[in-house]
C-alpha atoms as a PDB file:
ATOM      1  CA  MET A   1     -24.281  62.381 -11.881  1.00  0.00           C
ATOM      2  CA  LEU A   2     -26.070  62.926 -14.682  1.00  0.00           C
ATOM      3  CA  GLU A   3     -23.038  62.569 -16.968  1.00  0.00           C
ATOM      4  CA  ASP A   4     -22.046  59.378 -15.148  1.00  0.00           C
ATOM      5  CA  LEU A   5     -25.354  57.979 -16.248  1.00  0.00           C
ATOM      6  CA  LEU A   6     -24.827  58.799 -19.680  1.00  0.00           C
ATOM      7  CA  ILE A   7     -21.613  57.206 -19.490  1.00  0.00           C
ATOM      8  CA  LEU A   8     -22.762  53.949 -17.917  1.00  0.00           C
ATOM      9  CA  ARG A   9     -25.492  53.788 -20.555  1.00  0.00           C
ATOM     10  CA  LYS A  10     -23.012  54.251 -23.606  1.00  0.00           C
ATOM     11  CA  ILE A  11     -20.503  51.642 -22.041  1.00  0.00           C
ATOM     12  CA  LYS A  12     -23.515  49.072 -21.444  1.00  0.00           C
ATOM     13  CA  GLU A  13     -24.560  49.566 -24.941  1.00  0.00           C
ATOM     14  CA  GLY A  14     -20.886  48.762 -26.132  1.00  0.00           C
ATOM     15  CA  ASP A  15     -19.574  52.319 -26.896  1.00  0.00           C
ATOM     16  CA  ILE A  16     -15.934  51.386 -27.163  1.00  0.00           C
ATOM     17  CA  LYS A  17     -14.844  55.127 -27.449  1.00  0.00           C
ATOM     18  CA  THR A  18     -16.649  55.989 -24.236  1.00  0.00           C
ATOM     19  CA  PHE A  19     -14.983  52.916 -22.486  1.00  0.00           C
ATOM     20  CA  GLU A  20     -11.547  53.912 -24.150  1.00  0.00           C
ATOM     21  CA  SER A  21     -12.139  57.802 -22.769  1.00  0.00           C
ATOM     22  CA  VAL A  22     -12.831  56.321 -18.979  1.00  0.00           C
ATOM     23  CA  PHE A  23      -9.773  53.941 -19.580  1.00  0.00           C
ATOM     24  CA  ARG A  24      -7.311  57.084 -20.392  1.00  0.00           C
ATOM     25  CA  LEU A  25      -8.688  59.195 -17.842  1.00  0.00           C
ATOM     26  CA  TYR A  26      -8.760  57.003 -14.757  1.00  0.00           C
ATOM     27  CA  TYR A  27      -5.737  54.407 -15.591  1.00  0.00           C
ATOM     28  CA  SER A  28      -2.838  56.500 -14.336  1.00  0.00           C
ATOM     29  CA  PRO A  29      -4.455  57.662 -11.087  1.00  0.00           C
ATOM     30  CA  LEU A  30      -5.878  54.355 -10.397  1.00  0.00           C
ATOM     31  CA  CYS A  31      -2.274  52.567 -10.824  1.00  0.00           C
ATOM     32  CA  LEU A  32      -1.112  55.169  -8.328  1.00  0.00           C
ATOM     33  CA  TYR A  33      -3.570  54.502  -5.782  1.00  0.00           C
ATOM     34  CA  ALA A  34      -3.421  50.843  -5.883  1.00  0.00           C
ATOM     35  CA  PHE A  35       0.420  51.016  -5.892  1.00  0.00           C
ATOM     36  CA  SER A  36      -0.121  53.190  -2.641  1.00  0.00           C
ATOM     37  CA  ILE A  37      -1.716  50.267  -1.093  1.00  0.00           C
ATOM     38  CA  THR A  38       0.028  47.308  -2.493  1.00  0.00           C
ATOM     39  CA  GLY A  39       3.449  48.757  -2.697  1.00  0.00           C
ATOM     40  CA  ARG A  40       4.186  46.969  -6.119  1.00  0.00           C
ATOM     41  CA  LYS A  41       3.762  48.878  -9.317  1.00  0.00           C
ATOM     42  CA  ASP A  42       3.332  45.721 -11.301  1.00  0.00           C
ATOM     43  CA  ILE A  43       0.485  44.046  -8.936  1.00  0.00           C
ATOM     44  CA  ALA A  44      -0.762  47.719  -9.145  1.00  0.00           C
ATOM     45  CA  GLU A  45      -1.045  47.700 -13.170  1.00  0.00           C
ATOM     46  CA  GLU A  46      -2.442  44.155 -13.105  1.00  0.00           C
ATOM     47  CA  ILE A  47      -5.221  45.136 -10.600  1.00  0.00           C
ATOM     48  CA  VAL A  48      -6.301  48.137 -12.520  1.00  0.00           C
ATOM     49  CA  GLN A  49      -6.122  46.209 -15.810  1.00  0.00           C
ATOM     50  CA  GLU A  50      -8.023  43.270 -14.376  1.00  0.00           C
ATOM     51  CA  LEU A  51     -10.842  45.855 -13.199  1.00  0.00           C
ATOM     52  CA  PHE A  52     -11.103  47.472 -16.611  1.00  0.00           C
ATOM     53  CA  TYR A  53     -11.229  44.115 -18.205  1.00  0.00           C
ATOM     54  CA  VAL A  54     -14.002  42.752 -15.788  1.00  0.00           C
ATOM     55  CA  LEU A  55     -15.900  46.234 -16.269  1.00  0.00           C
ATOM     56  CA  TRP A  56     -15.918  45.720 -20.061  1.00  0.00           C
ATOM     57  CA  LYS A  57     -16.729  42.199 -20.095  1.00  0.00           C
ATOM     58  CA  ASP A  58     -19.654  42.262 -17.456  1.00  0.00           C
ATOM     59  CA  ARG A  59     -20.837  46.010 -18.821  1.00  0.00           C
ATOM     60  CA  ASP A  60     -24.348  44.851 -19.385  1.00  0.00           C
ATOM     61  CA  LYS A  61     -24.638  43.506 -15.557  1.00  0.00           C
ATOM     62  CA  LEU A  62     -23.088  47.011 -14.324  1.00  0.00           C
ATOM     63  CA  GLN A  63     -24.810  48.309 -10.980  1.00  0.00           C
ATOM     64  CA  ILE A  64     -23.030  51.490 -10.139  1.00  0.00           C
ATOM     65  CA  LEU A  65     -25.111  53.548  -7.659  1.00  0.00           C
ATOM     66  CA  HIS A  66     -22.730  56.154  -7.212  1.00  0.00           C
ATOM     67  CA  SER A  67     -20.242  58.087  -9.521  1.00  0.00           C
ATOM     68  CA  VAL A  68     -18.030  56.109 -12.081  1.00  0.00           C
ATOM     69  CA  LYS A  69     -14.952  57.656 -10.489  1.00  0.00           C
ATOM     70  CA  SER A  70     -16.027  56.232  -6.794  1.00  0.00           C
ATOM     71  CA  TYR A  71     -17.064  52.938  -8.298  1.00  0.00           C
ATOM     72  CA  LEU A  72     -13.410  52.603  -9.997  1.00  0.00           C
ATOM     73  CA  TYR A  73     -11.697  53.821  -6.585  1.00  0.00           C
ATOM     74  CA  GLY A  74     -13.533  51.541  -4.301  1.00  0.00           C
ATOM     75  CA  ALA A  75     -13.201  48.782  -6.900  1.00  0.00           C
ATOM     76  CA  ILE A  76      -9.586  49.278  -6.569  1.00  0.00           C
ATOM     77  CA  ARG A  77      -9.254  49.687  -3.154  1.00  0.00           C
ATOM     78  CA  ASN A  78     -11.007  46.443  -2.436  1.00  0.00           C
ATOM     79  CA  GLN A  79      -8.889  44.500  -4.952  1.00  0.00           C
ATOM     80  CA  SER A  80      -5.486  46.015  -3.346  1.00  0.00           C
ATOM     81  CA  LEU A  81      -6.617  45.238  -0.016  1.00  0.00           C
ATOM     82  CA  GLN A  82      -7.392  41.530  -0.733  1.00  0.00           C
ATOM     83  CA  TYR A  83      -4.013  41.132  -2.392  1.00  0.00           C
ATOM     84  CA  CYS A  84      -2.213  42.449   0.587  1.00  0.00           C
ATOM     85  CA  GLU A  85      -4.310  40.212   2.599  1.00  0.00           C
ATOM     86  CA  HIS A  86      -3.446  37.136   0.029  1.00  0.00           C
ATOM     87  CA  VAL A  87       0.445  37.996   0.760  1.00  0.00           C
ATOM     88  CA  ASN A  88      -0.215  37.983   4.408  1.00  0.00           C
ATOM     89  CA  VAL A  89      -1.835  34.374   4.166  1.00  0.00           C
ATOM     90  CA  ARG A  90       1.073  33.201   1.969  1.00  0.00           C
ATOM     91  CA  GLU A  91       3.574  34.451   4.482  1.00  0.00           C
ATOM     92  CA  ARG A  92       1.880  33.016   7.089  1.00  0.00           C
ATOM     93  CA  TYR A  93       1.633  29.427   5.351  1.00  0.00           C
ATOM     94  CA  LYS A  94       5.179  29.677   4.599  1.00  0.00           C
ATOM     95  CA  GLU A  95       6.134  30.444   8.211  1.00  0.00           C
ATOM     96  CA  HIS A  96       3.879  27.707   9.306  1.00  0.00           C
ATOM     97  CA  GLN A  97       5.487  25.269   6.928  1.00  0.00           C
ATOM     98  CA  LEU A  98       8.774  26.160   8.421  1.00  0.00           C
ATOM     99  CA  ASN A  99       8.055  25.685  11.846  1.00  0.00           C
ATOM    100  CA  ALA A 100       6.309  22.315  10.417  1.00  0.00           C
ATOM    101  CA  GLU A 101       9.853  21.500   9.049  1.00  0.00           C
ATOM    102  CA  GLU A 102      11.779  22.247  12.160  1.00  0.00           C
ATOM    103  CA  GLN A 103       9.552  19.977  14.403  1.00  0.00           C
ATOM    104  CA  VAL A 104      10.021  17.088  11.942  1.00  0.00           C
ATOM    105  CA  PRO A 105      13.402  16.032  13.295  1.00  0.00           C
ATOM    106  CA  ASP A 106      11.845  15.061  16.669  1.00  0.00           C
ATOM    107  CA  SER A 107      10.131  12.434  14.501  1.00  0.00           C
ATOM    108  CA  THR A 108      11.766   8.809  13.805  1.00  0.00           C
ATOM    109  CA  PRO A 109      13.208   8.198  10.550  1.00  0.00           C
ATOM    110  CA  GLU A 110      10.529   5.985   9.678  1.00  0.00           C
ATOM    111  CA  GLU A 111       7.807   8.790  10.282  1.00  0.00           C
ATOM    112  CA  MET A 112      10.090  11.282   8.535  1.00  0.00           C
ATOM    113  CA  LEU A 113       9.735   8.889   5.525  1.00  0.00           C
ATOM    114  CA  GLU A 114       6.387   8.165   5.513  1.00  0.00           C
ATOM    115  CA  TYR A 115       5.384  11.880   5.738  1.00  0.00           C
ATOM    116  CA  LYS A 116       7.595  12.521   2.828  1.00  0.00           C
ATOM    117  CA  GLU A 117       6.131   9.741   0.639  1.00  0.00           C
ATOM    118  CA  LEU A 118       2.603  11.041   1.751  1.00  0.00           C
ATOM    119  CA  GLU A 119       3.496  14.463   0.840  1.00  0.00           C
ATOM    120  CA  GLU A 120       4.782  13.042  -2.720  1.00  0.00           C
ATOM    121  CA  VAL A 121       1.478  11.197  -3.143  1.00  0.00           C
ATOM    122  CA  ILE A 122      -0.668  14.184  -2.411  1.00  0.00           C
ATOM    123  CA  ASN A 123       1.704  16.232  -4.733  1.00  0.00           C
ATOM    124  CA  ARG A 124       1.263  13.849  -7.734  1.00  0.00           C
ATOM    125  CA  THR A 125      -2.368  13.629  -7.084  1.00  0.00           C
ATOM    126  CA  LEU A 126      -2.767  17.268  -7.347  1.00  0.00           C
ATOM    127  CA  LYS A 127      -0.810  17.541 -10.470  1.00  0.00           C
ATOM    128  CA  LYS A 128      -3.145  14.878 -12.165  1.00  0.00           C
ATOM    129  CA  LEU A 129      -6.054  16.971 -11.236  1.00  0.00           C
ATOM    130  CA  PRO A 130      -7.325  19.419 -14.014  1.00  0.00           C
ATOM    131  CA  GLN A 131      -5.781  22.864 -14.261  1.00  0.00           C
ATOM    132  CA  ARG A 132      -8.933  24.761 -12.952  1.00  0.00           C
ATOM    133  CA  ARG A 133      -9.148  22.169 -10.156  1.00  0.00           C
ATOM    134  CA  GLN A 134      -5.861  22.674  -9.114  1.00  0.00           C
ATOM    135  CA  ALA A 135      -6.231  26.400  -9.442  1.00  0.00           C
ATOM    136  CA  ILE A 136      -9.229  26.472  -7.092  1.00  0.00           C
ATOM    137  CA  PHE A 137      -7.361  23.984  -4.549  1.00  0.00           C
ATOM    138  CA  ARG A 138      -4.491  26.310  -4.441  1.00  0.00           C
ATOM    139  CA  MET A 139      -6.557  29.097  -3.785  1.00  0.00           C
ATOM    140  CA  HIS A 140      -8.434  27.701  -1.291  1.00  0.00           C
ATOM    141  CA  ARG A 141      -5.939  26.004   0.782  1.00  0.00           C
ATOM    142  CA  LEU A 142      -2.458  27.724   0.077  1.00  0.00           C
ATOM    143  CA  GLU A 143      -3.643  31.196  -0.495  1.00  0.00           C
ATOM    144  CA  GLY A 144      -6.742  31.002   2.168  1.00  0.00           C
ATOM    145  CA  LEU A 145      -9.422  32.258  -0.076  1.00  0.00           C
ATOM    146  CA  LYS A 146     -12.936  31.454   0.609  1.00  0.00           C
ATOM    147  CA  TYR A 147     -15.232  29.937  -2.056  1.00  0.00           C
ATOM    148  CA  LYS A 148     -17.045  33.046  -2.705  1.00  0.00           C
ATOM    149  CA  GLU A 149     -13.807  35.165  -3.180  1.00  0.00           C
ATOM    150  CA  ILE A 150     -12.551  32.239  -5.530  1.00  0.00           C
ATOM    151  CA  ALA A 151     -16.029  32.098  -7.138  1.00  0.00           C
ATOM    152  CA  ASP A 152     -15.664  35.863  -7.934  1.00  0.00           C
ATOM    153  CA  THR A 153     -11.926  35.898  -9.014  1.00  0.00           C
ATOM    154  CA  LEU A 154     -12.746  32.949 -11.471  1.00  0.00           C
ATOM    155  CA  SER A 155     -16.306  33.987 -12.629  1.00  0.00           C
ATOM    156  CA  LEU A 156     -17.649  31.022 -11.555  1.00  0.00           C
ATOM    157  CA  SER A 157     -20.506  29.982  -9.318  1.00  0.00           C
ATOM    158  CA  VAL A 158     -19.857  29.312  -5.405  1.00  0.00           C
ATOM    159  CA  LYS A 159     -21.636  25.695  -6.133  1.00  0.00           C
ATOM    160  CA  THR A 160     -19.187  25.074  -9.024  1.00  0.00           C
ATOM    161  CA  ILE A 161     -16.375  25.884  -6.757  1.00  0.00           C
ATOM    162  CA  GLU A 162     -17.945  23.500  -3.839  1.00  0.00           C
ATOM    163  CA  ALA A 163     -18.142  20.969  -6.517  1.00  0.00           C
ATOM    164  CA  GLU A 164     -14.881  21.252  -7.761  1.00  0.00           C
ATOM    165  CA  MET A 165     -13.175  21.118  -4.117  1.00  0.00           C
ATOM    166  CA  THR A 166     -15.545  17.883  -3.119  1.00  0.00           C
ATOM    167  CA  LYS A 167     -13.979  15.862  -6.298  1.00  0.00           C
ATOM    168  CA  THR A 168     -10.455  17.209  -5.414  1.00  0.00           C
ATOM    169  CA  TYR A 169     -11.080  15.940  -1.627  1.00  0.00           C
ATOM    170  CA  GLN A 170     -12.431  12.710  -2.810  1.00  0.00           C
ATOM    171  CA  GLU A 171      -9.646  11.953  -5.144  1.00  0.00           C
ATOM    172  CA  LEU A 172      -6.931  12.765  -2.555  1.00  0.00           C
ATOM    173  CA  ARG A 173      -8.915  10.628  -0.228  1.00  0.00           C
ATOM    174  CA  ARG A 174      -8.860   7.565  -2.820  1.00  0.00           C
ATOM    175  CA  GLU A 175      -5.072   7.849  -3.687  1.00  0.00           C
ATOM    176  CA  ILE A 176      -4.201   8.300   0.147  1.00  0.00           C
ATOM    177  CA  GLU A 177      -6.225   5.222   1.103  1.00  0.00           C
ATOM    178  CA  LYS A 178      -4.384   3.458  -1.794  1.00  0.00           C
ATOM    179  CA  TYR A 179      -1.059   4.513  -0.024  1.00  0.00           C
ATOM    180  CA  THR A 180      -2.274   3.476   3.494  1.00  0.00           C
ATOM    181  CA  TYR A 181      -3.266   0.132   2.332  1.00  0.00           C
ATOM    182  CA  VAL A 182      -0.067  -0.434   0.857  1.00  0.00           C
ATOM    183  CA  LEU A 183       1.649   0.327   4.131  1.00  0.00           C
END
């Protein structure tokens, strides 16, 4: 435990050699651990690299209460499980979309045309949004992430995520109202 406190203090002070030694010691085992959860080598490596990036970037804010090893493995477990949940959400969304498309033939040709036009209006509006706002919208609506998860992922505050989503909804509402006014 004392050794971990020394390692943490050195990393917090910006000692790159200590950070590199921790990276070299844990990178491969953490990749294997993440792979055992996600089942994908590329994703496992990405998760571990992101962890070390955030660890270095936010080193001055580190609050590790146990060993460095348990912190790293716990963070990898959480990120890997979160990735798996996102995959499940995407699959459910795709399945929902397929089911919705199967139900569309019961609609009249006019309703189908209106649906397609409205879908185009929405997609066109989303493409006009700033890139960060698009990413936030996609993460929330398509991947099913909560505002807190998005804020943590993008290193933003929850209030910023709420504000961006509000602006997105307002823009969509304006464009849809224009579309429905034309009809």
